[in-house]
């Protein structure tokens, strides 16, 4: 009988000692935890040094090379004075078709539609007739947009702006009209002038205009 009460006393003493030991171990652990928290507050203090960084001194250096850049466009404007001239033999009836074929080749080679101006010396291109039916204001608004091929004739050629490529279809009309169209085309072609028509007539017109 005396053995039974002794055993629970041993268990209670063991539990009591382990509980006190555990409680003593847990107490010191939370105390060092608040210690590292102030260390985190030191991190926002680090952005302070980047303020004196000297990238601002690099900006004036970038301004210096920008000064010679305006000389670039001035130089690029010089070579546009003499366009290359190509002659495509065609009859007056087939000159417009030849010009359309040349236009397709230009676009397939990578030319942008807005870079091409087409001038006719005789009958107007169907596109010109259609757009002029809505009035000249709408017609020239598309010219000013400059995002597509623009078709005109000898009557309006002098009003058209310069473009890198000019196509002339000598599809009839008077010699005066052909001379006017070729003269306007030559002065407006920046890189390439293509003339479709009768070689003898074109040569005589170019000779008369020279």
N, C-alpha and C. Protein backbone atom coordinates (compact mmCIF):
# COMPACT_ATOMS: atom_id res chain seq x y z
N UNK A 1 0.81 -1.21 0.00
CA UNK A 1 0.00 0.00 0.00
C UNK A 1 0.85 1.26 0.00
N UNK A 2 1.96 1.39 0.82
CA UNK A 2 2.74 2.63 0.80
C UNK A 2 3.45 2.84 -0.52
N UNK A 3 3.57 1.79 -1.39
CA UNK A 3 4.28 1.96 -2.65
C UNK A 3 3.46 2.77 -3.65
N UNK A 4 2.17 2.72 -3.60
CA UNK A 4 1.34 3.38 -4.60
C UNK A 4 1.44 4.89 -4.50
N UNK A 5 1.33 5.51 -3.28
CA UNK A 5 1.43 6.97 -3.23
C UNK A 5 2.80 7.49 -3.56
N UNK A 6 3.85 6.69 -3.41
CA UNK A 6 5.21 7.17 -3.69
C UNK A 6 5.42 7.39 -5.19
N UNK A 7 4.81 6.53 -6.01
CA UNK A 7 5.02 6.63 -7.46
C UNK A 7 4.45 7.93 -8.03
N UNK A 8 3.21 8.34 -7.69
CA UNK A 8 2.74 9.62 -8.24
C UNK A 8 3.53 10.79 -7.76
N UNK A 9 4.11 10.72 -6.60
CA UNK A 9 4.94 11.81 -6.12
C UNK A 9 6.19 11.97 -6.99
N UNK A 10 6.75 10.84 -7.42
CA UNK A 10 7.94 10.91 -8.28
C UNK A 10 7.58 11.55 -9.62
N UNK A 11 6.40 11.17 -10.18
CA UNK A 11 5.99 11.72 -11.46
C UNK A 11 5.72 13.21 -11.35
N UNK A 12 5.11 13.63 -10.28
CA UNK A 12 4.80 15.03 -10.12
C UNK A 12 6.06 15.87 -9.99
N UNK A 13 7.04 15.33 -9.27
CA UNK A 13 8.29 16.08 -9.11
C UNK A 13 9.02 16.19 -10.44
N UNK A 14 8.95 15.11 -11.25
CA UNK A 14 9.63 15.16 -12.55
C UNK A 14 8.94 16.15 -13.48
N UNK A 15 7.62 16.13 -13.45
CA UNK A 15 6.91 17.07 -14.30
C UNK A 15 7.14 18.49 -13.85
N UNK A 16 7.18 18.68 -12.55
CA UNK A 16 7.40 20.03 -12.05
C UNK A 16 8.75 20.58 -12.45
N UNK A 17 9.80 19.70 -12.38
CA UNK A 17 11.15 20.15 -12.75
C UNK A 17 11.23 20.44 -14.23
N UNK A 18 10.58 19.59 -15.08
CA UNK A 18 10.63 19.83 -16.53
C UNK A 18 9.85 21.06 -16.90
N UNK A 19 8.72 21.30 -16.21
CA UNK A 19 7.92 22.49 -16.50
C UNK A 19 8.68 23.74 -16.17
N UNK A 20 9.37 23.72 -15.00
CA UNK A 20 10.14 24.90 -14.62
C UNK A 20 11.30 25.12 -15.56
N UNK A 21 11.91 24.00 -16.01
CA UNK A 21 13.03 24.14 -16.95
C UNK A 21 12.56 24.68 -18.29
N UNK A 22 11.40 24.17 -18.71
CA UNK A 22 10.87 24.64 -19.98
C UNK A 22 10.48 26.11 -19.91
N UNK A 23 9.86 26.46 -18.75
CA UNK A 23 9.47 27.85 -18.61
C UNK A 23 10.68 28.77 -18.53
N UNK A 24 11.76 28.27 -17.92
CA UNK A 24 12.96 29.09 -17.84
C UNK A 24 13.62 29.24 -19.20
N UNK A 25 13.49 28.21 -20.09
CA UNK A 25 14.08 28.30 -21.42
C UNK A 25 13.26 29.22 -22.33
N UNK A 26 11.95 29.17 -22.19
CA UNK A 26 11.11 29.99 -23.05
C UNK A 26 11.26 31.47 -22.74
N UNK A 27 11.51 31.79 -21.46
CA UNK A 27 11.60 33.19 -21.07
C UNK A 27 12.73 33.92 -21.76
N UNK A 28 13.97 33.34 -21.85
CA UNK A 28 15.04 34.10 -22.49
C UNK A 28 14.87 34.25 -24.00
N UNK A 29 14.18 33.27 -24.67
CA UNK A 29 14.07 33.34 -26.13
C UNK A 29 13.31 34.55 -26.63
N UNK A 30 12.12 34.94 -26.05
CA UNK A 30 11.45 36.12 -26.58
C UNK A 30 12.20 37.40 -26.34
N UNK A 31 13.09 37.45 -25.37
CA UNK A 31 13.80 38.69 -25.06
C UNK A 31 14.77 39.11 -26.16
N UNK A 32 15.53 38.15 -26.73
CA UNK A 32 16.43 38.61 -27.82
C UNK A 32 15.68 38.94 -29.11
N UNK A 33 14.40 38.51 -29.27
CA UNK A 33 13.67 38.76 -30.52
C UNK A 33 13.52 40.24 -30.81
N UNK A 34 13.10 41.07 -29.85
CA UNK A 34 13.01 42.49 -30.18
C UNK A 34 14.32 43.15 -30.52
N UNK A 35 15.44 42.46 -30.16
CA UNK A 35 16.74 43.05 -30.47
C UNK A 35 16.98 43.25 -31.95
N UNK A 36 16.75 42.23 -32.83
CA UNK A 36 17.00 42.42 -34.27
C UNK A 36 16.05 43.36 -34.95
N UNK A 37 14.88 43.64 -34.39
CA UNK A 37 13.92 44.54 -35.01
C UNK A 37 14.49 45.94 -35.23
N UNK A 38 15.23 46.52 -34.26
CA UNK A 38 15.84 47.82 -34.58
C UNK A 38 16.82 47.74 -35.72
N UNK A 39 17.40 46.53 -35.94
CA UNK A 39 18.33 46.40 -37.07
C UNK A 39 17.61 46.65 -38.38
N UNK A 40 16.32 46.21 -38.47
CA UNK A 40 15.55 46.47 -39.69
C UNK A 40 15.31 47.96 -39.89
N UNK A 41 15.19 48.68 -38.80
CA UNK A 41 15.00 50.11 -38.95
C UNK A 41 16.24 50.79 -39.50
N UNK A 42 17.40 50.14 -39.36
CA UNK A 42 18.62 50.73 -39.91
C UNK A 42 18.64 50.64 -41.43
N UNK A 43 17.90 49.68 -42.05
CA UNK A 43 17.90 49.52 -43.51
C UNK A 43 17.31 50.72 -44.22
N UNK A 44 16.17 51.28 -43.73
CA UNK A 44 15.70 52.48 -44.44
C UNK A 44 16.66 53.63 -44.37
N UNK A 45 17.59 53.58 -43.40
CA UNK A 45 18.58 54.65 -43.35
C UNK A 45 19.59 54.54 -44.47
N UNK A 46 19.72 53.36 -45.14
CA UNK A 46 20.70 53.17 -46.20
C UNK A 46 20.37 53.95 -47.47
N UNK A 47 19.07 54.18 -47.81
CA UNK A 47 18.83 55.00 -49.00
C UNK A 47 19.41 56.39 -48.92
N UNK A 48 19.83 56.79 -47.73
CA UNK A 48 20.44 58.11 -47.61
C UNK A 48 21.66 58.31 -48.48
N UNK A 49 22.64 57.35 -48.48
CA UNK A 49 23.84 57.54 -49.29
C UNK A 49 23.60 57.67 -50.78
N UNK A 50 22.54 56.98 -51.41
CA UNK A 50 22.37 57.16 -52.85
C UNK A 50 22.06 58.59 -53.26
N UNK A 51 21.63 59.43 -52.34
CA UNK A 51 21.32 60.81 -52.71
C UNK A 51 22.52 61.55 -53.28
N UNK A 52 23.72 61.39 -52.69
CA UNK A 52 24.86 62.10 -53.27
C UNK A 52 25.43 61.46 -54.51
N UNK A 53 24.75 60.44 -55.08
CA UNK A 53 25.28 59.77 -56.27
C UNK A 53 25.48 60.77 -57.40
N UNK A 54 26.53 60.63 -58.22
CA UNK A 54 26.82 61.64 -59.25
C UNK A 54 26.31 61.32 -60.64
N UNK A 55 25.08 60.71 -60.81
CA UNK A 55 24.62 60.56 -62.19
C UNK A 55 24.20 61.86 -62.83
N UNK A 56 23.93 62.88 -62.00
CA UNK A 56 23.50 64.16 -62.56
C UNK A 56 24.58 64.77 -63.44
N UNK A 57 25.83 64.47 -63.14
CA UNK A 57 26.92 65.02 -63.93
C UNK A 57 26.98 64.39 -65.32
N UNK A 58 26.36 63.20 -65.49
CA UNK A 58 26.38 62.55 -66.80
C UNK A 58 25.40 63.21 -67.77
N UNK A 59 24.33 63.84 -67.24
CA UNK A 59 23.35 64.45 -68.14
C UNK A 59 23.93 65.56 -69.00
N UNK A 60 24.76 66.46 -68.44
CA UNK A 60 25.33 67.47 -69.34
C UNK A 60 26.22 66.88 -70.40
N UNK A 61 26.83 65.71 -70.11
CA UNK A 61 27.67 65.08 -71.14
C UNK A 61 26.81 64.59 -72.29
N UNK A 62 25.57 64.11 -71.96
CA UNK A 62 24.69 63.65 -73.03
C UNK A 62 24.22 64.80 -73.91
N UNK A 63 24.14 66.00 -73.37
CA UNK A 63 23.69 67.13 -74.16
C UNK A 63 24.72 67.52 -75.21
N UNK A 64 25.99 67.31 -74.90
CA UNK A 64 27.05 67.70 -75.83
C UNK A 64 26.96 66.95 -77.15
N UNK A 65 26.80 65.57 -77.15
CA UNK A 65 26.70 64.88 -78.44
C UNK A 65 25.44 65.21 -79.20
N UNK A 66 24.41 65.74 -78.51
CA UNK A 66 23.17 66.06 -79.24
C UNK A 66 23.35 67.27 -80.15
N UNK A 67 24.37 68.11 -79.89
CA UNK A 67 24.58 69.30 -80.71
C UNK A 67 24.98 68.97 -82.14
N UNK A 68 25.87 67.97 -82.38
CA UNK A 68 26.20 67.68 -83.78
C UNK A 68 25.09 67.00 -84.55
N UNK A 69 24.01 66.52 -83.87
CA UNK A 69 22.95 65.82 -84.58
C UNK A 69 22.24 66.68 -85.61
N UNK A 70 21.99 68.00 -85.35
CA UNK A 70 21.32 68.77 -86.40
C UNK A 70 22.08 68.83 -87.70
N UNK A 71 23.41 68.64 -87.65
CA UNK A 71 24.17 68.64 -88.89
C UNK A 71 23.86 67.42 -89.73
N UNK A 72 23.36 66.32 -89.07
CA UNK A 72 23.04 65.10 -89.81
C UNK A 72 21.95 65.30 -90.83
N UNK A 73 20.75 65.84 -90.44
CA UNK A 73 19.70 66.03 -91.44
C UNK A 73 20.08 66.97 -92.54
N UNK A 74 20.93 67.95 -92.24
CA UNK A 74 21.36 68.87 -93.29
C UNK A 74 22.15 68.14 -94.35
N UNK A 75 22.97 67.17 -93.89
CA UNK A 75 23.77 66.40 -94.84
C UNK A 75 22.90 65.46 -95.64
N UNK A 76 21.83 64.88 -94.99
CA UNK A 76 20.98 63.94 -95.70
C UNK A 76 20.14 64.63 -96.77
N UNK A 77 19.88 65.93 -96.61
CA UNK A 77 19.07 66.64 -97.60
C UNK A 77 19.83 66.89 -98.89
N UNK A 78 21.16 66.87 -98.84
CA UNK A 78 21.95 67.17 -100.03
C UNK A 78 21.84 66.12 -101.12
N UNK A 79 21.96 64.78 -100.80
CA UNK A 79 21.96 63.80 -101.87
C UNK A 79 20.63 63.64 -102.57
N UNK A 80 19.55 64.27 -102.08
CA UNK A 80 18.24 64.12 -102.71
C UNK A 80 18.08 64.99 -103.94
N UNK A 81 19.13 65.69 -104.39
CA UNK A 81 19.01 66.63 -105.50
C UNK A 81 18.91 65.92 -106.84
N UNK A 82 19.58 64.80 -107.02
CA UNK A 82 19.60 64.13 -108.32
C UNK A 82 19.01 62.74 -108.20
N UNK A 83 17.75 62.56 -108.57
CA UNK A 83 17.15 61.21 -108.51
C UNK A 83 17.62 60.34 -109.66
N UNK A 84 17.57 59.05 -109.46
CA UNK A 84 17.87 58.10 -110.53
C UNK A 84 16.66 58.03 -111.46
N UNK A 85 16.92 58.01 -112.77
CA UNK A 85 15.83 58.01 -113.75
C UNK A 85 15.80 56.66 -114.48
N UNK A 86 14.60 56.07 -114.53
CA UNK A 86 14.40 54.81 -115.25
C UNK A 86 13.30 55.01 -116.30
N UNK A 87 13.53 54.48 -117.47
CA UNK A 87 12.56 54.59 -118.56
C UNK A 87 11.99 53.21 -118.88
N UNK A 88 10.67 53.10 -118.88
CA UNK A 88 9.98 51.85 -119.21
C UNK A 88 9.22 52.08 -120.52
N UNK A 89 9.66 51.48 -121.62
CA UNK A 89 8.97 51.69 -122.91
C UNK A 89 7.53 51.18 -122.85
N UNK A 90 6.62 51.98 -123.33
CA UNK A 90 5.21 51.59 -123.36
C UNK A 90 4.48 52.54 -124.30
N UNK A 91 3.39 52.05 -124.87
CA UNK A 91 2.55 52.90 -125.71
C UNK A 91 1.71 53.81 -124.82
N UNK A 92 1.09 54.80 -125.47
CA UNK A 92 0.25 55.70 -124.69
C UNK A 92 -0.90 54.94 -124.04
N UNK A 93 -1.40 53.91 -124.74
CA UNK A 93 -2.50 53.13 -124.18
C UNK A 93 -2.05 52.21 -123.04
N UNK A 94 -0.80 51.78 -123.09
CA UNK A 94 -0.31 50.85 -122.07
C UNK A 94 0.57 51.50 -121.01
N UNK A 95 0.74 52.82 -121.07
CA UNK A 95 1.64 53.49 -120.12
C UNK A 95 1.11 53.38 -118.68
N UNK A 96 -0.20 53.51 -118.53
CA UNK A 96 -0.76 53.45 -117.18
C UNK A 96 -0.63 52.05 -116.59
N UNK A 97 -0.84 51.03 -117.42
CA UNK A 97 -0.67 49.66 -116.94
C UNK A 97 0.79 49.40 -116.57
N UNK A 98 1.71 49.94 -117.38
CA UNK A 98 3.13 49.76 -117.07
C UNK A 98 3.50 50.45 -115.76
N UNK A 99 2.89 51.60 -115.53
CA UNK A 99 3.15 52.30 -114.26
C UNK A 99 2.61 51.52 -113.08
N UNK A 100 1.44 50.89 -113.25
CA UNK A 100 0.87 50.08 -112.17
C UNK A 100 1.76 48.88 -111.86
N UNK A 101 2.31 48.26 -112.91
CA UNK A 101 3.20 47.13 -112.69
C UNK A 101 4.48 47.58 -111.97
N UNK A 102 5.00 48.73 -112.37
CA UNK A 102 6.19 49.25 -111.70
C UNK A 102 5.89 49.58 -110.24
N UNK A 103 4.68 50.08 -109.98
CA UNK A 103 4.29 50.38 -108.61
C UNK A 103 4.22 49.11 -107.77
N UNK A 104 3.66 48.06 -108.34
CA UNK A 104 3.59 46.79 -107.61
C UNK A 104 4.99 46.28 -107.25
N UNK A 105 5.92 46.41 -108.19
CA UNK A 105 7.28 45.98 -107.92
C UNK A 105 7.92 46.81 -106.80
N UNK A 106 7.64 48.11 -106.82
CA UNK A 106 8.19 48.97 -105.76
C UNK A 106 7.66 48.57 -104.39
N UNK A 107 6.36 48.34 -104.30
CA UNK A 107 5.76 47.97 -103.03
C UNK A 107 6.23 46.59 -102.57
N UNK A 108 6.39 45.67 -103.53
CA UNK A 108 6.89 44.34 -103.17
C UNK A 108 8.33 44.38 -102.69
N UNK A 109 9.09 45.36 -103.19
CA UNK A 109 10.50 45.47 -102.79
C UNK A 109 10.66 46.15 -101.43
N UNK A 110 9.55 46.61 -100.85
CA UNK A 110 9.64 47.19 -99.52
C UNK A 110 9.35 48.67 -99.44
N UNK A 111 9.07 49.30 -100.57
CA UNK A 111 8.72 50.72 -100.55
C UNK A 111 7.38 50.93 -99.84
N UNK A 112 7.30 51.97 -99.03
CA UNK A 112 6.04 52.31 -98.38
C UNK A 112 5.12 53.02 -99.37
N UNK A 113 3.82 52.74 -99.35
CA UNK A 113 2.90 53.42 -100.29
C UNK A 113 2.97 54.94 -100.18
N UNK A 114 3.21 55.44 -98.99
CA UNK A 114 3.29 56.88 -98.81
C UNK A 114 4.51 57.52 -99.42
N UNK A 115 5.43 56.72 -99.95
CA UNK A 115 6.65 57.24 -100.57
C UNK A 115 6.51 57.45 -102.07
N UNK A 116 5.35 57.09 -102.64
CA UNK A 116 5.21 57.06 -104.10
C UNK A 116 4.16 58.07 -104.57
N UNK A 117 4.52 58.82 -105.60
CA UNK A 117 3.62 59.74 -106.28
C UNK A 117 3.50 59.31 -107.73
N UNK A 118 2.27 59.19 -108.24
CA UNK A 118 2.02 58.79 -109.62
C UNK A 118 1.38 59.96 -110.36
N UNK A 119 1.97 60.31 -111.51
CA UNK A 119 1.48 61.43 -112.32
C UNK A 119 1.13 60.92 -113.71
N UNK A 120 -0.03 61.30 -114.21
CA UNK A 120 -0.44 60.96 -115.57
C UNK A 120 -0.43 62.22 -116.43
N UNK A 121 -0.14 62.04 -117.72
CA UNK A 121 -0.11 63.19 -118.64
C UNK A 121 -1.40 63.33 -119.43
N UNK A 122 -2.13 62.22 -119.59
CA UNK A 122 -3.37 62.24 -120.36
C UNK A 122 -4.58 62.04 -119.44
N UNK A 123 -5.30 60.95 -119.70
CA UNK A 123 -6.49 60.65 -118.89
C UNK A 123 -6.10 60.44 -117.43
N UNK A 124 -6.91 60.96 -116.54
CA UNK A 124 -6.63 60.81 -115.12
C UNK A 124 -6.73 59.35 -114.69
N UNK A 125 -5.98 59.03 -113.67
CA UNK A 125 -6.08 57.69 -113.08
C UNK A 125 -7.47 57.54 -112.46
N UNK A 126 -8.06 56.34 -112.53
CA UNK A 126 -9.39 56.15 -111.94
C UNK A 126 -9.47 56.57 -110.47
N UNK A 127 -8.38 56.39 -109.73
CA UNK A 127 -8.39 56.82 -108.33
C UNK A 127 -8.54 58.34 -108.24
N UNK A 128 -7.83 59.05 -109.12
CA UNK A 128 -7.92 60.51 -109.11
C UNK A 128 -9.34 60.98 -109.43
N UNK A 129 -9.94 60.39 -110.44
CA UNK A 129 -11.31 60.76 -110.80
C UNK A 129 -12.27 60.49 -109.64
N UNK A 130 -12.10 59.35 -109.00
CA UNK A 130 -13.01 58.98 -107.92
C UNK A 130 -12.87 59.93 -106.73
N UNK A 131 -11.63 60.23 -106.34
CA UNK A 131 -11.43 61.08 -105.16
C UNK A 131 -11.81 62.53 -105.43
N UNK A 132 -11.57 62.99 -106.65
CA UNK A 132 -11.96 64.37 -106.98
C UNK A 132 -13.48 64.54 -107.02
N UNK A 133 -14.21 63.43 -107.17
CA UNK A 133 -15.67 63.52 -107.16
C UNK A 133 -16.21 63.95 -105.80
N UNK A 134 -15.39 63.79 -104.76
CA UNK A 134 -15.78 64.22 -103.42
C UNK A 134 -15.31 65.64 -103.11
N UNK A 135 -14.63 66.26 -104.07
CA UNK A 135 -14.16 67.62 -103.87
C UNK A 135 -12.65 67.68 -103.70
N UNK A 136 -12.07 68.80 -104.08
CA UNK A 136 -10.61 68.95 -103.99
C UNK A 136 -10.11 68.97 -102.55
N UNK A 137 -10.94 69.45 -101.63
CA UNK A 137 -10.50 69.49 -100.23
C UNK A 137 -10.23 68.09 -99.70
N UNK A 138 -11.15 67.18 -99.98
CA UNK A 138 -10.96 65.79 -99.56
C UNK A 138 -9.80 65.15 -100.30
N UNK A 139 -9.68 65.50 -101.59
CA UNK A 139 -8.60 64.94 -102.42
C UNK A 139 -7.23 65.33 -101.88
N UNK A 140 -7.02 66.61 -101.58
CA UNK A 140 -5.72 67.06 -101.10
C UNK A 140 -5.49 66.71 -99.64
N UNK A 141 -6.55 66.46 -98.91
CA UNK A 141 -6.38 66.00 -97.52
C UNK A 141 -5.68 64.64 -97.50
N UNK A 142 -6.00 63.79 -98.46
CA UNK A 142 -5.33 62.50 -98.54
C UNK A 142 -3.87 62.68 -98.96
N UNK A 143 -3.64 63.66 -99.82
CA UNK A 143 -2.26 63.96 -100.21
C UNK A 143 -1.45 64.40 -98.99
N UNK A 144 -2.02 65.28 -98.17
CA UNK A 144 -1.32 65.79 -97.01
C UNK A 144 -1.11 64.71 -95.95
N UNK A 145 -2.01 63.74 -95.89
CA UNK A 145 -1.84 62.64 -94.92
C UNK A 145 -0.57 61.86 -95.22
N UNK A 146 -0.27 61.66 -96.51
CA UNK A 146 0.98 61.02 -96.89
C UNK A 146 1.14 59.59 -96.46
N UNK A 147 0.04 58.85 -96.27
CA UNK A 147 0.15 57.47 -95.83
C UNK A 147 -0.22 56.46 -96.92
N UNK A 148 -0.43 56.95 -98.17
CA UNK A 148 -0.77 56.04 -99.25
C UNK A 148 -0.27 56.62 -100.57
N UNK A 149 -0.28 55.78 -101.61
CA UNK A 149 0.10 56.25 -102.94
C UNK A 149 -0.85 57.38 -103.36
N UNK A 150 -0.27 58.43 -103.91
CA UNK A 150 -1.11 59.56 -104.35
C UNK A 150 -1.03 59.68 -105.86
N UNK A 151 -2.20 59.75 -106.50
CA UNK A 151 -2.30 59.85 -107.96
C UNK A 151 -2.76 61.26 -108.33
N UNK A 152 -2.10 61.84 -109.31
CA UNK A 152 -2.49 63.14 -109.80
C UNK A 152 -2.18 63.22 -111.29
N UNK A 153 -2.42 64.37 -111.89
CA UNK A 153 -2.14 64.52 -113.32
C UNK A 153 -1.34 65.79 -113.54
N UNK A 154 -1.08 66.10 -114.81
CA UNK A 154 -0.24 67.25 -115.13
C UNK A 154 -0.84 68.55 -114.62
N UNK A 155 -2.17 68.60 -114.50
CA UNK A 155 -2.84 69.82 -114.05
C UNK A 155 -2.50 70.15 -112.59
N UNK A 156 -2.45 69.10 -111.75
CA UNK A 156 -2.22 69.30 -110.31
C UNK A 156 -0.80 68.91 -109.87
N UNK A 157 0.03 68.46 -110.81
CA UNK A 157 1.35 67.94 -110.43
C UNK A 157 2.20 68.98 -109.71
N UNK A 158 2.10 70.23 -110.15
CA UNK A 158 2.93 71.27 -109.54
C UNK A 158 2.55 71.52 -108.08
N UNK A 159 1.35 71.12 -107.69
CA UNK A 159 0.89 71.32 -106.31
C UNK A 159 1.30 70.18 -105.39
N UNK A 160 1.66 69.05 -105.97
CA UNK A 160 2.02 67.88 -105.17
C UNK A 160 3.37 68.09 -104.48
N UNK A 161 3.50 67.50 -103.30
CA UNK A 161 4.74 67.61 -102.54
C UNK A 161 5.73 66.55 -103.01
N UNK A 162 6.99 66.76 -102.67
CA UNK A 162 8.04 65.82 -103.06
C UNK A 162 7.88 64.49 -102.33
N UNK A 163 8.25 63.42 -103.02
CA UNK A 163 8.25 62.08 -102.43
C UNK A 163 9.49 61.33 -102.93
N UNK A 164 9.91 60.32 -102.20
CA UNK A 164 11.11 59.60 -102.62
C UNK A 164 11.03 59.01 -104.03
N UNK A 165 9.86 58.53 -104.43
CA UNK A 165 9.69 57.90 -105.74
C UNK A 165 8.53 58.57 -106.47
N UNK A 166 8.77 58.93 -107.74
CA UNK A 166 7.72 59.51 -108.58
C UNK A 166 7.60 58.67 -109.85
N UNK A 167 6.37 58.27 -110.16
CA UNK A 167 6.08 57.50 -111.37
C UNK A 167 5.30 58.39 -112.33
N UNK A 168 5.73 58.44 -113.59
CA UNK A 168 5.03 59.21 -114.61
C UNK A 168 4.54 58.26 -115.69
N UNK A 169 3.24 58.31 -115.95
CA UNK A 169 2.65 57.54 -117.04
C UNK A 169 2.31 58.50 -118.17
N UNK A 170 3.10 58.44 -119.25
CA UNK A 170 2.84 59.30 -120.40
C UNK A 170 1.76 58.61 -121.23
N UNK A 171 0.54 58.77 -120.77
CA UNK A 171 -0.60 58.05 -121.37
C UNK A 171 -1.43 58.96 -122.27
N UNK A 172 -0.74 59.80 -123.03
CA UNK A 172 -1.43 60.71 -123.95
C UNK A 172 -1.31 62.14 -123.47
N UNK A 173 -2.21 62.96 -123.97
CA UNK A 173 -2.15 64.37 -123.64
C UNK A 173 -1.24 65.11 -124.58
N UNK A 174 -1.19 66.40 -124.45
CA UNK A 174 -0.37 67.23 -125.32
C UNK A 174 1.09 67.18 -124.90
N UNK A 175 1.95 67.64 -125.81
CA UNK A 175 3.37 67.71 -125.47
C UNK A 175 3.60 68.66 -124.31
N UNK A 176 2.81 69.70 -124.25
CA UNK A 176 2.94 70.65 -123.14
C UNK A 176 2.60 69.99 -121.81
N UNK A 177 1.55 69.15 -121.82
CA UNK A 177 1.17 68.45 -120.59
C UNK A 177 2.26 67.48 -120.16
N UNK A 178 2.85 66.76 -121.12
CA UNK A 178 3.94 65.84 -120.80
C UNK A 178 5.14 66.58 -120.24
N UNK A 179 5.45 67.73 -120.85
CA UNK A 179 6.58 68.53 -120.37
C UNK A 179 6.34 69.01 -118.94
N UNK A 180 5.11 69.47 -118.68
CA UNK A 180 4.78 69.94 -117.33
C UNK A 180 4.88 68.81 -116.31
N UNK A 181 4.35 67.63 -116.68
CA UNK A 181 4.35 66.50 -115.76
C UNK A 181 5.78 66.03 -115.48
N UNK A 182 6.60 65.93 -116.53
CA UNK A 182 7.97 65.45 -116.35
C UNK A 182 8.81 66.45 -115.56
N UNK A 183 8.59 67.72 -115.81
CA UNK A 183 9.33 68.74 -115.07
C UNK A 183 8.97 68.70 -113.59
N UNK A 184 7.66 68.59 -113.30
CA UNK A 184 7.23 68.51 -111.90
C UNK A 184 7.71 67.23 -111.25
N UNK A 185 7.69 66.13 -112.01
CA UNK A 185 8.12 64.85 -111.45
C UNK A 185 9.60 64.87 -111.12
N UNK A 186 10.41 65.44 -111.99
CA UNK A 186 11.86 65.46 -111.76
C UNK A 186 12.21 66.31 -110.54
N UNK A 187 11.50 67.38 -110.33
CA UNK A 187 11.80 68.24 -109.19
C UNK A 187 11.26 67.69 -107.87
N UNK A 188 10.34 66.71 -107.95
CA UNK A 188 9.74 66.17 -106.74
C UNK A 188 10.23 64.77 -106.38
N UNK A 189 10.96 64.13 -107.27
CA UNK A 189 11.48 62.79 -106.99
C UNK A 189 12.73 62.89 -106.13
N UNK A 190 12.67 62.29 -104.95
CA UNK A 190 13.82 62.37 -104.07
C UNK A 190 14.91 61.38 -104.41
N UNK A 191 14.55 60.14 -104.76
CA UNK A 191 15.54 59.10 -105.03
C UNK A 191 15.38 58.46 -106.39
N UNK A 192 14.12 58.31 -106.87
CA UNK A 192 13.89 57.56 -108.10
C UNK A 192 12.76 58.18 -108.90
N UNK A 193 13.01 58.34 -110.21
CA UNK A 193 11.99 58.82 -111.15
C UNK A 193 11.82 57.76 -112.23
N UNK A 194 10.61 57.23 -112.34
CA UNK A 194 10.31 56.21 -113.34
C UNK A 194 9.31 56.79 -114.34
N UNK A 195 9.65 56.72 -115.63
CA UNK A 195 8.79 57.26 -116.68
C UNK A 195 8.37 56.12 -117.60
N UNK A 196 7.07 55.95 -117.77
CA UNK A 196 6.52 54.91 -118.62
C UNK A 196 5.86 55.56 -119.84
N UNK A 197 6.34 55.19 -121.03
CA UNK A 197 5.78 55.78 -122.25
C UNK A 197 6.66 55.51 -123.45
N UNK A 198 6.37 56.23 -124.51
CA UNK A 198 7.12 56.10 -125.75
C UNK A 198 8.50 56.74 -125.57
N UNK A 199 9.59 55.97 -125.72
CA UNK A 199 10.93 56.51 -125.49
C UNK A 199 11.22 57.74 -126.35
N UNK A 200 10.81 57.73 -127.66
CA UNK A 200 11.09 58.87 -128.52
C UNK A 200 10.38 60.13 -128.02
N UNK A 201 9.11 59.96 -127.63
CA UNK A 201 8.36 61.12 -127.12
C UNK A 201 8.98 61.63 -125.81
N UNK A 202 9.36 60.70 -124.97
CA UNK A 202 9.93 61.10 -123.67
C UNK A 202 11.26 61.82 -123.87
N UNK A 203 12.09 61.29 -124.77
CA UNK A 203 13.38 61.92 -125.02
C UNK A 203 13.20 63.32 -125.62
N UNK A 204 12.23 63.43 -126.50
CA UNK A 204 12.01 64.75 -127.10
C UNK A 204 11.48 65.74 -126.06
N UNK A 205 10.64 65.25 -125.16
CA UNK A 205 10.08 66.12 -124.12
C UNK A 205 11.18 66.52 -123.13
N UNK A 206 12.00 65.55 -122.75
CA UNK A 206 13.08 65.85 -121.81
C UNK A 206 14.07 66.81 -122.46
N UNK A 207 14.30 66.61 -123.78
CA UNK A 207 15.21 67.52 -124.47
C UNK A 207 14.64 68.92 -124.55
N UNK A 208 13.30 69.01 -124.74
CA UNK A 208 12.68 70.33 -124.82
C UNK A 208 12.68 71.01 -123.47
N UNK A 209 12.56 70.19 -122.40
CA UNK A 209 12.55 70.79 -121.08
C UNK A 209 13.92 71.13 -120.59
N UNK A 210 14.96 70.59 -121.21
CA UNK A 210 16.31 70.82 -120.72
C UNK A 210 16.84 72.17 -121.13
